Amino acid sequence: MLQAFGYRRRFSELSEQEVLALAISSEEDDAQIYRGYAERLRAEYPASAAIFDGMAKEEDGHRQRLIELHRARFGEVIPLIRREHVSGFYARRPIWLVENLGLERIRDEAAQMERDAERFYLTAAAATTDAATRKLLGDLAAAEAGHSDKAQTLTDEHLAGDTKSEEESAAHRQFVLTWVQPGLAGLMDGSVSTLAPIFAVAFATQDTWTTFLVGLAASVGAGISMGFTEAASDDGKISGRGSPYKRGVAAGVMTTLGGLGHALPYLITDFWTATIIALIVVFIELWAITWIQNRYMQTPWLKAIFQVVLGGALVFAAGALIGSG
């Protein structure tokens, strides 16, 4: 890793030919990234995919102008130099790290790409002495700065009428189906179903360490069970609920967290202190479930409160009665 850093050059050390070569490779990379975004969005958001197709064509035009300038000044052979060869140069996130992001986040990533490119061209223009090169780099900086206007033009062209709101609605629905719904089911299962065993052991033994171990085992076991059940129950192709692996992770993690919330207080050695804190945590968990139901599932507040509080109270009462008996 240290050797890789040693092979990098500072931007100030690059010749004008190498700066042009770096600009060419950067434009080529950005065009490929935009096409990757377009392909990622094409099936579900075709109008937004068309926007990124248009932006990729813009980058192709920039690259062609840079190649023509390089041919005129330095000939046909373009030095191989890329972003990763220059110390401190801005980097792009790999496409596989972005492909799972939502629609709005992808748009934000694209906007940041344009800002980075603008700064690069301004820096490159200041470092060159050739008038034609400086003019082109300055023009490209202005073009990158104006890409937000271009993006807006493409947005107006491809997302006319209700198309944008429909795509955003579809993205929100997919987020709810893939992450919120299984995560909420897991949180409810972990928070409510573990109440009985944890508080039954707590009141039966009044041993905080034993209660914690039972709570830890119940939470982790329930998380693994819920995660595998969610992932195996539906591959998402027909239902449109998204990747089973994402849903499994959401359900499993939230189930475990829901149970651990009121198990962790029993690391405190004093039984009643731990129990009071655990009950406060239970209240917070039930409130969080109610809020998520109202926020994302459009469940009325009173109905959500009644369902969650009644269910939680019944399970807690069962555990407390069994433990006390």
C-alpha atoms as a PDB file:
ATOM      1  CA  MET A   1       0.000   0.000   0.000  1.00  0.00           C
ATOM      2  CA  LEU A   2       2.833   2.376   0.875  1.00  0.00           C
ATOM      3  CA  GLN A   3       4.558   1.441  -2.380  1.00  0.00           C
ATOM      4  CA  ALA A   4       1.388   2.412  -4.300  1.00  0.00           C
ATOM      5  CA  PHE A   5       1.496   5.866  -2.726  1.00  0.00           C
ATOM      6  CA  GLY A   6       5.157   6.143  -3.665  1.00  0.00           C
ATOM      7  CA  TYR A   7       4.357   5.661  -7.352  1.00  0.00           C
ATOM      8  CA  ARG A   8       1.937   8.580  -7.425  1.00  0.00           C
ATOM      9  CA  ARG A   9       2.938  11.973  -8.762  1.00  0.00           C
ATOM     10  CA  ARG A  10       1.851  15.389  -7.605  1.00  0.00           C
ATOM     11  CA  PHE A  11      -0.400  17.319  -9.932  1.00  0.00           C
ATOM     12  CA  SER A  12       2.141  20.160 -10.023  1.00  0.00           C
ATOM     13  CA  GLU A  13       4.734  17.727 -11.436  1.00  0.00           C
ATOM     14  CA  LEU A  14       2.659  16.795 -14.484  1.00  0.00           C
ATOM     15  CA  SER A  15       3.561  18.161 -17.892  1.00  0.00           C
ATOM     16  CA  GLU A  16       0.908  19.856 -20.007  1.00  0.00           C
ATOM     17  CA  GLN A  17       0.673  16.724 -22.143  1.00  0.00           C
ATOM     18  CA  GLU A  18       0.087  14.600 -19.038  1.00  0.00           C
ATOM     19  CA  VAL A  19      -2.562  17.036 -17.785  1.00  0.00           C
ATOM     20  CA  LEU A  20      -4.391  16.663 -21.091  1.00  0.00           C
ATOM     21  CA  ALA A  21      -4.022  12.878 -20.908  1.00  0.00           C
ATOM     22  CA  LEU A  22      -5.428  12.924 -17.371  1.00  0.00           C
ATOM     23  CA  ALA A  23      -8.388  15.016 -18.522  1.00  0.00           C
ATOM     24  CA  ILE A  24      -9.057  12.598 -21.389  1.00  0.00           C
ATOM     25  CA  SER A  25      -9.045   9.521 -19.164  1.00  0.00           C
ATOM     26  CA  SER A  26     -11.192  11.310 -16.566  1.00  0.00           C
ATOM     27  CA  GLU A  27     -13.811  12.224 -19.147  1.00  0.00           C
ATOM     28  CA  GLU A  28     -13.815   8.644 -20.411  1.00  0.00           C
ATOM     29  CA  ASP A  29     -14.292   7.308 -16.872  1.00  0.00           C
ATOM     30  CA  ASP A  30     -17.094   9.750 -16.108  1.00  0.00           C
ATOM     31  CA  ALA A  31     -18.934   8.813 -19.297  1.00  0.00           C
ATOM     32  CA  GLN A  32     -18.707   5.146 -18.313  1.00  0.00           C
ATOM     33  CA  ILE A  33     -19.969   5.940 -14.810  1.00  0.00           C
ATOM     34  CA  TYR A  34     -22.967   7.818 -16.211  1.00  0.00           C
ATOM     35  CA  ARG A  35     -23.731   4.924 -18.513  1.00  0.00           C
ATOM     36  CA  GLY A  36     -23.497   2.602 -15.508  1.00  0.00           C
ATOM     37  CA  TYR A  37     -26.004   4.773 -13.664  1.00  0.00           C
ATOM     38  CA  ALA A  38     -28.280   4.720 -16.715  1.00  0.00           C
ATOM     39  CA  GLU A  39     -28.109   0.934 -16.974  1.00  0.00           C
ATOM     40  CA  ARG A  40     -28.739   0.587 -13.228  1.00  0.00           C
ATOM     41  CA  LEU A  41     -31.872   2.755 -13.473  1.00  0.00           C
ATOM     42  CA  ARG A  42     -33.172   1.748 -16.890  1.00  0.00           C
ATOM     43  CA  ALA A  43     -35.555  -1.021 -15.846  1.00  0.00           C
ATOM     44  CA  GLU A  44     -37.288   0.864 -13.025  1.00  0.00           C
ATOM     45  CA  TYR A  45     -36.660   4.526 -13.912  1.00  0.00           C
ATOM     46  CA  PRO A  46     -36.295   4.796 -17.712  1.00  0.00           C
ATOM     47  CA  ALA A  47     -36.736   8.578 -17.770  1.00  0.00           C
ATOM     48  CA  SER A  48     -33.891   9.121 -15.281  1.00  0.00           C
ATOM     49  CA  ALA A  49     -31.787   6.626 -17.252  1.00  0.00           C
ATOM     50  CA  ALA A  50     -32.277   8.806 -20.335  1.00  0.00           C
ATOM     51  CA  ILE A  51     -30.897  11.789 -18.379  1.00  0.00           C
ATOM     52  CA  PHE A  52     -27.672   9.931 -17.572  1.00  0.00           C
ATOM     53  CA  ASP A  53     -27.419   8.731 -21.183  1.00  0.00           C
ATOM     54  CA  GLY A  54     -27.487  12.388 -22.218  1.00  0.00           C
ATOM     55  CA  MET A  55     -24.839  13.334 -19.659  1.00  0.00           C
ATOM     56  CA  ALA A  56     -22.614  10.479 -20.880  1.00  0.00           C
ATOM     57  CA  LYS A  57     -22.848  11.901 -24.417  1.00  0.00           C
ATOM     58  CA  GLU A  58     -21.776  15.290 -23.050  1.00  0.00           C
ATOM     59  CA  GLU A  59     -18.681  13.701 -21.488  1.00  0.00           C
ATOM     60  CA  ASP A  60     -17.931  11.955 -24.797  1.00  0.00           C
ATOM     61  CA  GLY A  61     -17.996  15.355 -26.487  1.00  0.00           C
ATOM     62  CA  HIS A  62     -15.568  16.787 -23.942  1.00  0.00           C
ATOM     63  CA  ARG A  63     -13.232  13.817 -24.415  1.00  0.00           C
ATOM     64  CA  GLN A  64     -13.266  14.244 -28.188  1.00  0.00           C
ATOM     65  CA  ARG A  65     -12.345  17.919 -27.943  1.00  0.00           C
ATOM     66  CA  LEU A  66      -9.485  17.089 -25.596  1.00  0.00           C
ATOM     67  CA  ILE A  67      -8.211  14.349 -27.928  1.00  0.00           C
ATOM     68  CA  GLU A  68      -8.262  16.762 -30.867  1.00  0.00           C
ATOM     69  CA  LEU A  69      -6.260  19.295 -28.870  1.00  0.00           C
ATOM     70  CA  HIS A  70      -3.763  16.609 -27.826  1.00  0.00           C
ATOM     71  CA  ARG A  71      -3.408  15.487 -31.452  1.00  0.00           C
ATOM     72  CA  ALA A  72      -2.727  19.054 -32.560  1.00  0.00           C
ATOM     73  CA  ARG A  73      -0.132  19.771 -29.853  1.00  0.00           C
ATOM     74  CA  PHE A  74       1.515  16.454 -29.026  1.00  0.00           C
ATOM     75  CA  GLY A  75       0.557  13.904 -31.681  1.00  0.00           C
ATOM     76  CA  GLU A  76      -1.412  10.686 -31.692  1.00  0.00           C
ATOM     77  CA  VAL A  77       0.093   8.850 -28.711  1.00  0.00           C
ATOM     78  CA  ILE A  78      -1.686   9.744 -25.462  1.00  0.00           C
ATOM     79  CA  PRO A  79       0.229   8.929 -22.242  1.00  0.00           C
ATOM     80  CA  LEU A  80      -1.499   6.433 -19.951  1.00  0.00           C
ATOM     81  CA  ILE A  81      -2.288   8.385 -16.793  1.00  0.00           C
ATOM     82  CA  ARG A  82      -5.370   8.095 -14.646  1.00  0.00           C
ATOM     83  CA  ARG A  83      -6.740   9.577 -11.438  1.00  0.00           C
ATOM     84  CA  GLU A  84      -5.184   6.925  -9.243  1.00  0.00           C
ATOM     85  CA  HIS A  85      -1.730   7.852 -10.574  1.00  0.00           C
ATOM     86  CA  VAL A  86      -1.910  11.403  -9.182  1.00  0.00           C
ATOM     87  CA  SER A  87      -1.444  12.121  -5.485  1.00  0.00           C
ATOM     88  CA  GLY A  88      -4.311  14.029  -3.909  1.00  0.00           C
ATOM     89  CA  PHE A  89      -6.422  13.907  -7.058  1.00  0.00           C
ATOM     90  CA  TYR A  90     -10.159  13.455  -6.625  1.00  0.00           C
ATOM     91  CA  ALA A  91     -11.435   9.881  -6.860  1.00  0.00           C
ATOM     92  CA  ARG A  92     -14.685   8.372  -8.029  1.00  0.00           C
ATOM     93  CA  ARG A  93     -16.638   5.844  -6.037  1.00  0.00           C
ATOM     94  CA  PRO A  94     -16.612   2.436  -7.756  1.00  0.00           C
ATOM     95  CA  ILE A  95     -19.894   1.784  -9.515  1.00  0.00           C
ATOM     96  CA  TRP A  96     -20.533  -1.339  -7.415  1.00  0.00           C
ATOM     97  CA  LEU A  97     -20.564   0.836  -4.278  1.00  0.00           C
ATOM     98  CA  VAL A  98     -23.170   3.138  -5.800  1.00  0.00           C
ATOM     99  CA  GLU A  99     -25.446   0.692  -7.593  1.00  0.00           C
ATOM    100  CA  ASN A 100     -27.417  -0.062  -4.436  1.00  0.00           C
ATOM    101  CA  LEU A 101     -28.084   3.607  -3.670  1.00  0.00           C
ATOM    102  CA  GLY A 102     -31.485   5.195  -4.132  1.00  0.00           C
ATOM    103  CA  LEU A 103     -32.497   7.408  -7.014  1.00  0.00           C
ATOM    104  CA  GLU A 104     -31.891  10.711  -5.207  1.00  0.00           C
ATOM    105  CA  ARG A 105     -28.497   9.595  -3.899  1.00  0.00           C
ATOM    106  CA  ILE A 106     -27.370   8.681  -7.422  1.00  0.00           C
ATOM    107  CA  ARG A 107     -28.403  12.147  -8.598  1.00  0.00           C
ATOM    108  CA  ASP A 108     -26.392  13.674  -5.735  1.00  0.00           C
ATOM    109  CA  GLU A 109     -23.349  11.563  -6.689  1.00  0.00           C
ATOM    110  CA  ALA A 110     -23.609  12.871 -10.262  1.00  0.00           C
ATOM    111  CA  ALA A 111     -23.764  16.471  -9.050  1.00  0.00           C
ATOM    112  CA  GLN A 112     -20.617  15.927  -6.945  1.00  0.00           C
ATOM    113  CA  MET A 113     -18.863  14.462  -9.987  1.00  0.00           C
ATOM    114  CA  GLU A 114     -19.507  17.666 -11.918  1.00  0.00           C
ATOM    115  CA  ARG A 115     -18.200  19.853  -9.086  1.00  0.00           C
ATOM    116  CA  ASP A 116     -15.012  17.759  -8.871  1.00  0.00           C
ATOM    117  CA  ALA A 117     -14.476  17.988 -12.616  1.00  0.00           C
ATOM    118  CA  GLU A 118     -14.975  21.756 -12.590  1.00  0.00           C
ATOM    119  CA  ARG A 119     -12.296  22.202  -9.909  1.00  0.00           C
ATOM    120  CA  PHE A 120      -9.909  20.003 -11.871  1.00  0.00           C
ATOM    121  CA  TYR A 121     -10.275  22.011 -15.075  1.00  0.00           C
ATOM    122  CA  LEU A 122      -9.842  25.291 -13.248  1.00  0.00           C
ATOM    123  CA  THR A 123      -6.641  23.991 -11.623  1.00  0.00           C
ATOM    124  CA  ALA A 124      -5.388  22.569 -14.924  1.00  0.00           C
ATOM    125  CA  ALA A 125      -6.106  25.814 -16.798  1.00  0.00           C
ATOM    126  CA  ALA A 126      -4.124  27.781 -14.227  1.00  0.00           C
ATOM    127  CA  ALA A 127      -1.158  25.424 -14.666  1.00  0.00           C
ATOM    128  CA  THR A 128      -0.855  25.652 -18.469  1.00  0.00           C
ATOM    129  CA  THR A 129       0.889  28.327 -20.536  1.00  0.00           C
ATOM    130  CA  ASP A 130      -0.542  27.481 -23.943  1.00  0.00           C
ATOM    131  CA  ALA A 131      -3.353  29.849 -24.843  1.00  0.00           C
ATOM    132  CA  ALA A 132      -5.426  27.295 -26.790  1.00  0.00           C
ATOM    133  CA  THR A 133      -5.104  24.693 -24.038  1.00  0.00           C
ATOM    134  CA  ARG A 134      -5.996  27.190 -21.341  1.00  0.00           C
ATOM    135  CA  LYS A 135      -9.038  28.310 -23.315  1.00  0.00           C
ATOM    136  CA  LEU A 136     -10.267  24.753 -23.796  1.00  0.00           C
ATOM    137  CA  LEU A 137      -9.754  23.824 -20.154  1.00  0.00           C
ATOM    138  CA  GLY A 138     -11.527  27.002 -19.070  1.00  0.00           C
ATOM    139  CA  ASP A 139     -14.388  26.219 -21.434  1.00  0.00           C
ATOM    140  CA  LEU A 140     -14.634  22.709 -20.031  1.00  0.00           C
ATOM    141  CA  ALA A 141     -14.674  24.068 -16.468  1.00  0.00           C
ATOM    142  CA  ALA A 142     -17.562  26.313 -17.455  1.00  0.00           C
ATOM    143  CA  ALA A 143     -19.270  23.368 -19.153  1.00  0.00           C
ATOM    144  CA  GLU A 144     -18.956  21.232 -16.009  1.00  0.00           C
ATOM    145  CA  ALA A 145     -20.278  24.100 -13.915  1.00  0.00           C
ATOM    146  CA  GLY A 146     -23.178  24.396 -16.321  1.00  0.00           C
ATOM    147  CA  HIS A 147     -23.945  20.699 -16.264  1.00  0.00           C
ATOM    148  CA  SER A 148     -26.493  21.293 -13.534  1.00  0.00           C
ATOM    149  CA  ASP A 149     -28.340  23.429 -16.079  1.00  0.00           C
ATOM    150  CA  LYS A 150     -27.866  20.714 -18.681  1.00  0.00           C
ATOM    151  CA  ALA A 151     -29.129  18.125 -16.240  1.00  0.00           C
ATOM    152  CA  GLN A 152     -32.133  20.331 -15.543  1.00  0.00           C
ATOM    153  CA  THR A 153     -32.756  20.657 -19.293  1.00  0.00           C
ATOM    154  CA  LEU A 154     -32.585  16.895 -19.679  1.00  0.00           C
ATOM    155  CA  THR A 155     -34.814  16.528 -16.630  1.00  0.00           C
ATOM    156  CA  ASP A 156     -37.399  18.832 -18.178  1.00  0.00           C
ATOM    157  CA  GLU A 157     -37.116  16.886 -21.433  1.00  0.00           C
ATOM    158  CA  HIS A 158     -37.344  13.366 -20.038  1.00  0.00           C
ATOM    159  CA  LEU A 159     -39.218  13.888 -16.775  1.00  0.00           C
ATOM    160  CA  ALA A 160     -42.047  16.013 -18.092  1.00  0.00           C
ATOM    161  CA  GLY A 161     -45.427  16.025 -16.409  1.00  0.00           C
ATOM    162  CA  ASP A 162     -45.877  13.487 -13.662  1.00  0.00           C
ATOM    163  CA  THR A 163     -42.981  11.239 -14.679  1.00  0.00           C
ATOM    164  CA  LYS A 164     -40.572  12.549 -12.036  1.00  0.00           C
ATOM    165  CA  SER A 165     -43.084  12.256  -9.209  1.00  0.00           C
ATOM    166  CA  GLU A 166     -43.989   8.766 -10.427  1.00  0.00           C
ATOM    167  CA  GLU A 167     -40.337   7.689 -10.396  1.00  0.00           C
ATOM    168  CA  GLU A 168     -39.751   9.176  -6.961  1.00  0.00           C
ATOM    169  CA  SER A 169     -42.897   7.478  -5.707  1.00  0.00           C
ATOM    170  CA  ALA A 170     -41.693   4.175  -7.147  1.00  0.00           C
ATOM    171  CA  ALA A 171     -38.260   4.637  -5.527  1.00  0.00           C
ATOM    172  CA  HIS A 172     -39.885   5.367  -2.155  1.00  0.00           C
ATOM    173  CA  ARG A 173     -42.147   2.340  -2.507  1.00  0.00           C
ATOM    174  CA  GLN A 174     -39.166   0.117  -3.339  1.00  0.00           C
ATOM    175  CA  PHE A 175     -37.271   1.449  -0.304  1.00  0.00           C
ATOM    176  CA  VAL A 176     -40.227   0.655   1.933  1.00  0.00           C
ATOM    177  CA  LEU A 177     -40.684  -2.845   0.499  1.00  0.00           C
ATOM    178  CA  THR A 178     -36.985  -3.774   0.561  1.00  0.00           C
ATOM    179  CA  TRP A 179     -35.782  -2.162   3.780  1.00  0.00           C
ATOM    180  CA  VAL A 180     -38.530  -0.663   5.929  1.00  0.00           C
ATOM    181  CA  GLN A 181     -41.101  -3.442   5.852  1.00  0.00           C
ATOM    182  CA  PRO A 182     -38.755  -6.345   6.735  1.00  0.00           C
ATOM    183  CA  GLY A 183     -36.842  -4.136   9.154  1.00  0.00           C
ATOM    184  CA  LEU A 184     -40.068  -3.141  10.896  1.00  0.00           C
ATOM    185  CA  ALA A 185     -41.188  -6.774  11.080  1.00  0.00           C
ATOM    186  CA  GLY A 186     -37.823  -7.663  12.590  1.00  0.00           C
ATOM    187  CA  LEU A 187     -37.918  -4.825  15.112  1.00  0.00           C
ATOM    188  CA  MET A 188     -41.423  -5.789  16.191  1.00  0.00           C
ATOM    189  CA  ASP A 189     -40.461  -9.440  16.504  1.00  0.00           C
ATOM    190  CA  GLY A 190     -37.261  -8.715  18.382  1.00  0.00           C
ATOM    191  CA  SER A 191     -38.779  -6.118  20.685  1.00  0.00           C
ATOM    192  CA  VAL A 192     -42.039  -7.883  21.482  1.00  0.00           C
ATOM    193  CA  SER A 193     -41.379 -11.624  21.238  1.00  0.00           C
ATOM    194  CA  THR A 194     -38.302 -11.480  23.500  1.00  0.00           C
ATOM    195  CA  LEU A 195     -40.174  -9.663  26.259  1.00  0.00           C
ATOM    196  CA  ALA A 196     -41.659 -12.874  27.631  1.00  0.00           C
ATOM    197  CA  PRO A 197     -38.468 -14.960  27.951  1.00  0.00           C
ATOM    198  CA  ILE A 198     -36.321 -12.080  29.181  1.00  0.00           C
ATOM    199  CA  PHE A 199     -38.697 -10.850  31.872  1.00  0.00           C
ATOM    200  CA  ALA A 200     -39.772 -14.378  32.809  1.00  0.00           C
ATOM    201  CA  VAL A 201     -36.152 -15.227  33.593  1.00  0.00           C
ATOM    202  CA  ALA A 202     -35.630 -11.852  35.251  1.00  0.00           C
ATOM    203  CA  PHE A 203     -38.510 -12.254  37.712  1.00  0.00           C
ATOM    204  CA  ALA A 204     -37.897 -15.980  38.217  1.00  0.00           C
ATOM    205  CA  THR A 205     -34.198 -15.708  39.073  1.00  0.00           C
ATOM    206  CA  GLN A 206     -33.596 -12.014  39.822  1.00  0.00           C
ATOM    207  CA  ASP A 207     -30.120 -12.787  38.490  1.00  0.00           C
ATOM    208  CA  THR A 208     -29.067 -10.055  36.075  1.00  0.00           C
ATOM    209  CA  TRP A 209     -26.258 -12.019  34.393  1.00  0.00           C
ATOM    210  CA  THR A 210     -28.474 -15.035  33.706  1.00  0.00           C
ATOM    211  CA  THR A 211     -31.167 -12.699  32.373  1.00  0.00           C
ATOM    212  CA  PHE A 212     -28.656 -11.026  30.072  1.00  0.00           C
ATOM    213  CA  LEU A 213     -27.420 -14.357  28.694  1.00  0.00           C
ATOM    214  CA  VAL A 214     -30.969 -15.511  28.018  1.00  0.00           C
ATOM    215  CA  GLY A 215     -31.780 -12.175  26.362  1.00  0.00           C
ATOM    216  CA  LEU A 216     -28.602 -12.312  24.249  1.00  0.00           C
ATOM    217  CA  ALA A 217     -29.332 -15.862  23.118  1.00  0.00           C
ATOM    218  CA  ALA A 218     -32.978 -15.065  22.362  1.00  0.00           C
ATOM    219  CA  SER A 219     -32.074 -11.922  20.409  1.00  0.00           C
ATOM    220  CA  VAL A 220     -29.302 -13.449  18.315  1.00  0.00           C
ATOM    221  CA  GLY A 221     -31.294 -16.630  17.701  1.00  0.00           C
ATOM    222  CA  ALA A 222     -34.377 -14.669  16.676  1.00  0.00           C
ATOM    223  CA  GLY A 223     -32.279 -12.434  14.418  1.00  0.00           C
ATOM    224  CA  ILE A 224     -30.741 -15.373  12.584  1.00  0.00           C
ATOM    225  CA  SER A 225     -34.130 -17.067  12.257  1.00  0.00           C
ATOM    226  CA  MET A 226     -35.901 -13.939  10.991  1.00  0.00           C
ATOM    227  CA  GLY A 227     -33.089 -13.122   8.576  1.00  0.00           C
ATOM    228  CA  PHE A 228     -33.091 -16.539   6.942  1.00  0.00           C
ATOM    229  CA  THR A 229     -36.879 -16.730   6.934  1.00  0.00           C
ATOM    230  CA  GLU A 230     -37.214 -13.361   5.193  1.00  0.00           C
ATOM    231  CA  ALA A 231     -34.517 -14.149   2.642  1.00  0.00           C
ATOM    232  CA  ALA A 232     -35.936 -17.588   1.839  1.00  0.00           C
ATOM    233  CA  SER A 233     -39.610 -16.644   1.787  1.00  0.00           C
ATOM    234  CA  ASP A 234     -39.589 -14.549  -1.396  1.00  0.00           C
ATOM    235  CA  ASP A 235     -36.958 -13.962  -4.087  1.00  0.00           C
ATOM    236  CA  GLY A 236     -38.598 -10.617  -4.908  1.00  0.00           C
ATOM    237  CA  LYS A 237     -38.951 -11.267  -8.639  1.00  0.00           C
ATOM    238  CA  ILE A 238     -42.716 -11.645  -8.704  1.00  0.00           C
ATOM    239  CA  SER A 239     -43.619  -9.581  -5.651  1.00  0.00           C
ATOM    240  CA  GLY A 240     -41.222  -6.748  -6.532  1.00  0.00           C
ATOM    241  CA  ARG A 241     -39.996  -6.565  -2.932  1.00  0.00           C
ATOM    242  CA  GLY A 242     -36.353  -6.386  -3.968  1.00  0.00           C
ATOM    243  CA  SER A 243     -33.266  -8.421  -3.145  1.00  0.00           C
ATOM    244  CA  PRO A 244     -33.920 -11.231  -0.640  1.00  0.00           C
ATOM    245  CA  TYR A 245     -30.443 -10.671   0.803  1.00  0.00           C
ATOM    246  CA  LYS A 246     -31.145  -7.020   1.579  1.00  0.00           C
ATOM    247  CA  ARG A 247     -34.489  -7.909   3.141  1.00  0.00           C
ATOM    248  CA  GLY A 248     -32.880 -10.717   5.123  1.00  0.00           C
ATOM    249  CA  VAL A 249     -30.193  -8.388   6.475  1.00  0.00           C
ATOM    250  CA  ALA A 250     -32.786  -5.749   7.391  1.00  0.00           C
ATOM    251  CA  ALA A 251     -35.006  -8.249   9.189  1.00  0.00           C
ATOM    252  CA  GLY A 252     -32.170 -10.078  10.943  1.00  0.00           C
ATOM    253  CA  VAL A 253     -30.309  -6.997  12.169  1.00  0.00           C
ATOM    254  CA  MET A 254     -33.429  -5.203  13.398  1.00  0.00           C
ATOM    255  CA  THR A 255     -34.701  -8.347  15.158  1.00  0.00           C
ATOM    256  CA  THR A 256     -31.411  -8.698  17.014  1.00  0.00           C
ATOM    257  CA  LEU A 257     -31.322  -5.016  17.947  1.00  0.00           C
ATOM    258  CA  GLY A 258     -34.938  -5.140  19.124  1.00  0.00           C
ATOM    259  CA  GLY A 259     -34.163  -7.915  21.572  1.00  0.00           C
ATOM    260  CA  LEU A 260     -30.774  -6.610  22.685  1.00  0.00           C
ATOM    261  CA  GLY A 261     -32.299  -3.253  23.579  1.00  0.00           C
ATOM    262  CA  HIS A 262     -33.913  -4.533  26.752  1.00  0.00           C
ATOM    263  CA  ALA A 263     -31.370  -7.321  27.356  1.00  0.00           C
ATOM    264  CA  LEU A 264     -28.317  -5.056  27.652  1.00  0.00           C
ATOM    265  CA  PRO A 265     -29.564  -3.247  30.791  1.00  0.00           C
ATOM    266  CA  TYR A 266     -29.158  -6.536  32.659  1.00  0.00           C
ATOM    267  CA  LEU A 267     -25.407  -6.090  32.457  1.00  0.00           C
ATOM    268  CA  ILE A 268     -26.077  -3.842  35.453  1.00  0.00           C
ATOM    269  CA  THR A 269     -25.697  -5.928  38.592  1.00  0.00           C
ATOM    270  CA  ASP A 270     -28.537  -4.343  40.589  1.00  0.00           C
ATOM    271  CA  PHE A 271     -31.724  -6.164  39.585  1.00  0.00           C
ATOM    272  CA  TRP A 272     -34.287  -3.387  40.034  1.00  0.00           C
ATOM    273  CA  THR A 273     -32.095  -0.732  38.423  1.00  0.00           C
ATOM    274  CA  ALA A 274     -31.580  -3.000  35.432  1.00  0.00           C
ATOM    275  CA  THR A 275     -35.281  -3.842  35.252  1.00  0.00           C
ATOM    276  CA  ILE A 276     -36.403  -0.207  35.378  1.00  0.00           C
ATOM    277  CA  ILE A 277     -33.930   0.751  32.635  1.00  0.00           C
ATOM    278  CA  ALA A 278     -35.060  -2.258  30.574  1.00  0.00           C
ATOM    279  CA  LEU A 279     -38.694  -1.125  30.884  1.00  0.00           C
ATOM    280  CA  ILE A 280     -37.711   2.391  29.742  1.00  0.00           C
ATOM    281  CA  VAL A 281     -35.936   0.859  26.744  1.00  0.00           C
ATOM    282  CA  VAL A 282     -39.036  -1.198  25.960  1.00  0.00           C
ATOM    283  CA  PHE A 283     -41.097   1.993  25.945  1.00  0.00           C
ATOM    284  CA  ILE A 284     -38.611   3.620  23.524  1.00  0.00           C
ATOM    285  CA  GLU A 285     -38.666   0.546  21.274  1.00  0.00           C
ATOM    286  CA  LEU A 286     -42.463   0.483  21.145  1.00  0.00           C
ATOM    287  CA  TRP A 287     -42.548   4.213  20.404  1.00  0.00           C
ATOM    288  CA  ALA A 288     -40.028   3.713  17.567  1.00  0.00           C
ATOM    289  CA  ILE A 289     -42.169   0.938  16.081  1.00  0.00           C
ATOM    290  CA  THR A 290     -45.232   3.178  16.273  1.00  0.00           C
ATOM    291  CA  TRP A 291     -43.382   6.060  14.606  1.00  0.00           C
ATOM    292  CA  ILE A 292     -42.117   3.853  11.752  1.00  0.00           C
ATOM    293  CA  GLN A 293     -45.593   2.456  11.172  1.00  0.00           C
ATOM    294  CA  ASN A 294     -47.027   5.961  10.988  1.00  0.00           C
ATOM    295  CA  ARG A 295     -44.160   7.432   8.937  1.00  0.00           C
ATOM    296  CA  TYR A 296     -43.648   4.746   6.327  1.00  0.00           C
ATOM    297  CA  MET A 297     -46.656   2.428   6.473  1.00  0.00           C
ATOM    298  CA  GLN A 298     -49.230   5.246   6.757  1.00  0.00           C
ATOM    299  CA  THR A 299     -50.795   3.637   9.849  1.00  0.00           C
ATOM    300  CA  PRO A 300     -52.835   6.156  11.894  1.00  0.00           C
ATOM    301  CA  TRP A 301     -51.205   7.078  15.204  1.00  0.00           C
ATOM    302  CA  LEU A 302     -53.992   5.770  17.417  1.00  0.00           C
ATOM    303  CA  LYS A 303     -54.233   2.467  15.574  1.00  0.00           C
ATOM    304  CA  ALA A 304     -50.447   1.988  15.651  1.00  0.00           C
ATOM    305  CA  ILE A 305     -50.262   2.825  19.361  1.00  0.00           C
ATOM    306  CA  PHE A 306     -53.132   0.481  20.182  1.00  0.00           C
ATOM    307  CA  GLN A 307     -51.620  -2.431  18.238  1.00  0.00           C
ATOM    308  CA  VAL A 308     -48.071  -2.040  19.526  1.00  0.00           C
ATOM    309  CA  VAL A 309     -48.842  -1.159  23.130  1.00  0.00           C
ATOM    310  CA  LEU A 310     -51.501  -3.843  23.514  1.00  0.00           C
ATOM    311  CA  GLY A 311     -49.307  -6.525  21.991  1.00  0.00           C
ATOM    312  CA  GLY A 312     -46.274  -5.494  24.016  1.00  0.00           C
ATOM    313  CA  ALA A 313     -48.252  -5.277  27.249  1.00  0.00           C
ATOM    314  CA  LEU A 314     -49.738  -8.750  26.766  1.00  0.00           C
ATOM    315  CA  VAL A 315     -46.364 -10.346  26.040  1.00  0.00           C
ATOM    316  CA  PHE A 316     -44.709  -8.525  28.967  1.00  0.00           C
ATOM    317  CA  ALA A 317     -47.520  -9.547  31.303  1.00  0.00           C
ATOM    318  CA  ALA A 318     -47.211 -13.168  30.191  1.00  0.00           C
ATOM    319  CA  GLY A 319     -43.480 -13.166  30.869  1.00  0.00           C
ATOM    320  CA  ALA A 320     -43.807 -11.421  34.240  1.00  0.00           C
ATOM    321  CA  LEU A 321     -46.595 -13.756  35.411  1.00  0.00           C
ATOM    322  CA  ILE A 322     -44.762 -16.891  34.327  1.00  0.00           C
ATOM    323  CA  GLY A 323     -41.550 -15.696  35.952  1.00  0.00           C
ATOM    324  CA  SER A 324     -43.253 -14.692  39.181  1.00  0.00           C
ATOM    325  CA  GLY A 325     -45.071 -18.008  39.407  1.00  0.00           C
END
